[in-house]
Structure formats: C-alpha cells, structure tokens
C-alpha cells in the first residue's frame, strides 16, 4: 500500500506526506472532535485503547486554555 501511495501522492499534491501521517491526522482529528476513544480505536483498528489514547491523543494548548478558562469562569 505504501508503494502505491508513494506513486500517487505527487499527483495528489502531497509531496513529503506519508500514509502514516494521514492516518495519524485522522485519528487526532477524530479525538479532538470529541469522538469517543473506543470508537476511534475501532476505526483505527488499534489492538487496545491504550494505543489510541497514549500515542494519538495530543492535548491541544487551546483546549487546555479553554478548560482552565471554564474553571475560572465557574469560580468567578
């Protein structure tokens, strides 16, 4: 599959992008959109949810700021 993708990606305008990069992006986007981790795990076909949450769940600085602002708003 990687060989086919490497052949097709220049025509798609994706130089320097690996197939794994696209997979990583999709999983990260699903998680950031609030998709339950067990659903993302099933889509990505990870053996365990720990792979989904440990490797792919990146905490976004904006999301952390919003969470802290929400606490501050409630306390204020």
C-alpha atoms as a PDB file:
ATOM      1  CA  UNK A   1       0.000   0.000   0.000  1.00  0.00           C
ATOM      2  CA  UNK A   2       2.850   2.403   0.796  1.00  0.00           C
ATOM      3  CA  UNK A   3       4.402   1.897  -2.638  1.00  0.00           C
ATOM      4  CA  UNK A   4       1.103   2.704  -4.333  1.00  0.00           C
ATOM      5  CA  UNK A   5       0.620   5.749  -2.150  1.00  0.00           C
ATOM      6  CA  UNK A   6       4.184   6.949  -2.835  1.00  0.00           C
ATOM      7  CA  UNK A   7       3.464   6.717  -6.552  1.00  0.00           C
ATOM      8  CA  UNK A   8       0.130   8.566  -6.318  1.00  0.00           C
ATOM      9  CA  UNK A   9       0.931  11.261  -3.768  1.00  0.00           C
ATOM     10  CA  UNK A  10       2.791  13.680  -6.100  1.00  0.00           C
ATOM     11  CA  UNK A  11      -0.238  13.693  -8.419  1.00  0.00           C
ATOM     12  CA  UNK A  12      -2.448  14.450  -5.422  1.00  0.00           C
ATOM     13  CA  UNK A  13      -0.228  17.377  -4.469  1.00  0.00           C
ATOM     14  CA  UNK A  14       1.006  15.754  -1.258  1.00  0.00           C
ATOM     15  CA  UNK A  15       4.790  15.741  -1.564  1.00  0.00           C
ATOM     16  CA  UNK A  16       6.569  14.613   1.585  1.00  0.00           C
ATOM     17  CA  UNK A  17       3.434  13.187   3.238  1.00  0.00           C
ATOM     18  CA  UNK A  18       3.485   9.569   4.335  1.00  0.00           C
ATOM     19  CA  UNK A  19       0.424   7.361   4.500  1.00  0.00           C
ATOM     20  CA  UNK A  20       1.033   7.038   8.244  1.00  0.00           C
ATOM     21  CA  UNK A  21       0.911  10.863   8.543  1.00  0.00           C
ATOM     22  CA  UNK A  22      -2.609  10.852   7.112  1.00  0.00           C
ATOM     23  CA  UNK A  23      -3.674   8.074   9.490  1.00  0.00           C
ATOM     24  CA  UNK A  24      -2.227   9.958  12.445  1.00  0.00           C
ATOM     25  CA  UNK A  25      -4.028  13.139  11.385  1.00  0.00           C
ATOM     26  CA  UNK A  26      -7.398  11.406  11.034  1.00  0.00           C
ATOM     27  CA  UNK A  27      -7.133   9.758  14.450  1.00  0.00           C
ATOM     28  CA  UNK A  28      -6.016  13.019  16.095  1.00  0.00           C
ATOM     29  CA  UNK A  29      -8.857  14.963  14.424  1.00  0.00           C
ATOM     30  CA  UNK A  30     -11.455  12.414  15.477  1.00  0.00           C
ATOM     31  CA  UNK A  31     -10.285  12.654  19.081  1.00  0.00           C
ATOM     32  CA  UNK A  32     -10.197  16.459  19.015  1.00  0.00           C
ATOM     33  CA  UNK A  33     -13.767  16.471  17.654  1.00  0.00           C
ATOM     34  CA  UNK A  34     -14.889  14.572  20.729  1.00  0.00           C
ATOM     35  CA  UNK A  35     -15.298  11.151  19.151  1.00  0.00           C
ATOM     36  CA  UNK A  36     -15.247   8.614  21.982  1.00  0.00           C
ATOM     37  CA  UNK A  37     -11.833   6.924  22.204  1.00  0.00           C
ATOM     38  CA  UNK A  38     -13.318   3.428  21.871  1.00  0.00           C
ATOM     39  CA  UNK A  39     -14.902   4.450  18.551  1.00  0.00           C
ATOM     40  CA  UNK A  40     -11.603   5.909  17.310  1.00  0.00           C
ATOM     41  CA  UNK A  41      -9.876   2.713  18.444  1.00  0.00           C
ATOM     42  CA  UNK A  42     -12.277   0.655  16.330  1.00  0.00           C
ATOM     43  CA  UNK A  43     -11.830   2.905  13.288  1.00  0.00           C
ATOM     44  CA  UNK A  44      -8.034   2.811  13.588  1.00  0.00           C
ATOM     45  CA  UNK A  45      -8.111  -0.902  14.394  1.00  0.00           C
ATOM     46  CA  UNK A  46      -5.778  -0.475  17.359  1.00  0.00           C
ATOM     47  CA  UNK A  47      -5.313  -3.588  19.476  1.00  0.00           C
ATOM     48  CA  UNK A  48      -6.043  -1.673  22.673  1.00  0.00           C
ATOM     49  CA  UNK A  49      -7.468   1.658  23.708  1.00  0.00           C
ATOM     50  CA  UNK A  50      -4.161   2.470  25.418  1.00  0.00           C
ATOM     51  CA  UNK A  51      -2.560   2.816  21.977  1.00  0.00           C
ATOM     52  CA  UNK A  52      -5.270   5.233  20.886  1.00  0.00           C
ATOM     53  CA  UNK A  53      -5.063   7.395  23.979  1.00  0.00           C
ATOM     54  CA  UNK A  54      -1.311   7.270  24.656  1.00  0.00           C
ATOM     55  CA  UNK A  55       0.062   7.732  21.155  1.00  0.00           C
ATOM     56  CA  UNK A  56      -2.605   9.695  19.332  1.00  0.00           C
ATOM     57  CA  UNK A  57      -4.385  11.801  21.938  1.00  0.00           C
ATOM     58  CA  UNK A  58      -2.418  15.038  21.911  1.00  0.00           C
ATOM     59  CA  UNK A  59      -3.566  17.689  24.295  1.00  0.00           C
ATOM     60  CA  UNK A  60      -4.024  20.890  22.385  1.00  0.00           C
ATOM     61  CA  UNK A  61      -2.836  24.058  24.123  1.00  0.00           C
ATOM     62  CA  UNK A  62      -6.031  25.869  23.097  1.00  0.00           C
ATOM     63  CA  UNK A  63      -8.124  23.064  24.578  1.00  0.00           C
ATOM     64  CA  UNK A  64      -6.158  23.252  27.842  1.00  0.00           C
ATOM     65  CA  UNK A  65      -6.659  27.032  27.933  1.00  0.00           C
ATOM     66  CA  UNK A  66     -10.400  26.654  27.339  1.00  0.00           C
ATOM     67  CA  UNK A  67     -10.662  24.069  30.107  1.00  0.00           C
ATOM     68  CA  UNK A  68      -8.846  26.312  32.568  1.00  0.00           C
ATOM     69  CA  UNK A  69     -10.877  29.336  31.492  1.00  0.00           C
ATOM     70  CA  UNK A  70     -14.070  27.349  32.100  1.00  0.00           C
ATOM     71  CA  UNK A  71     -12.958  26.605  35.658  1.00  0.00           C
ATOM     72  CA  UNK A  72     -12.072  30.239  36.199  1.00  0.00           C
ATOM     73  CA  UNK A  73     -15.459  31.340  34.797  1.00  0.00           C
ATOM     74  CA  UNK A  74     -17.309  28.987  37.153  1.00  0.00           C
ATOM     75  CA  UNK A  75     -15.274  30.125  40.165  1.00  0.00           C
ATOM     76  CA  UNK A  76     -15.511  33.837  39.268  1.00  0.00           C
END
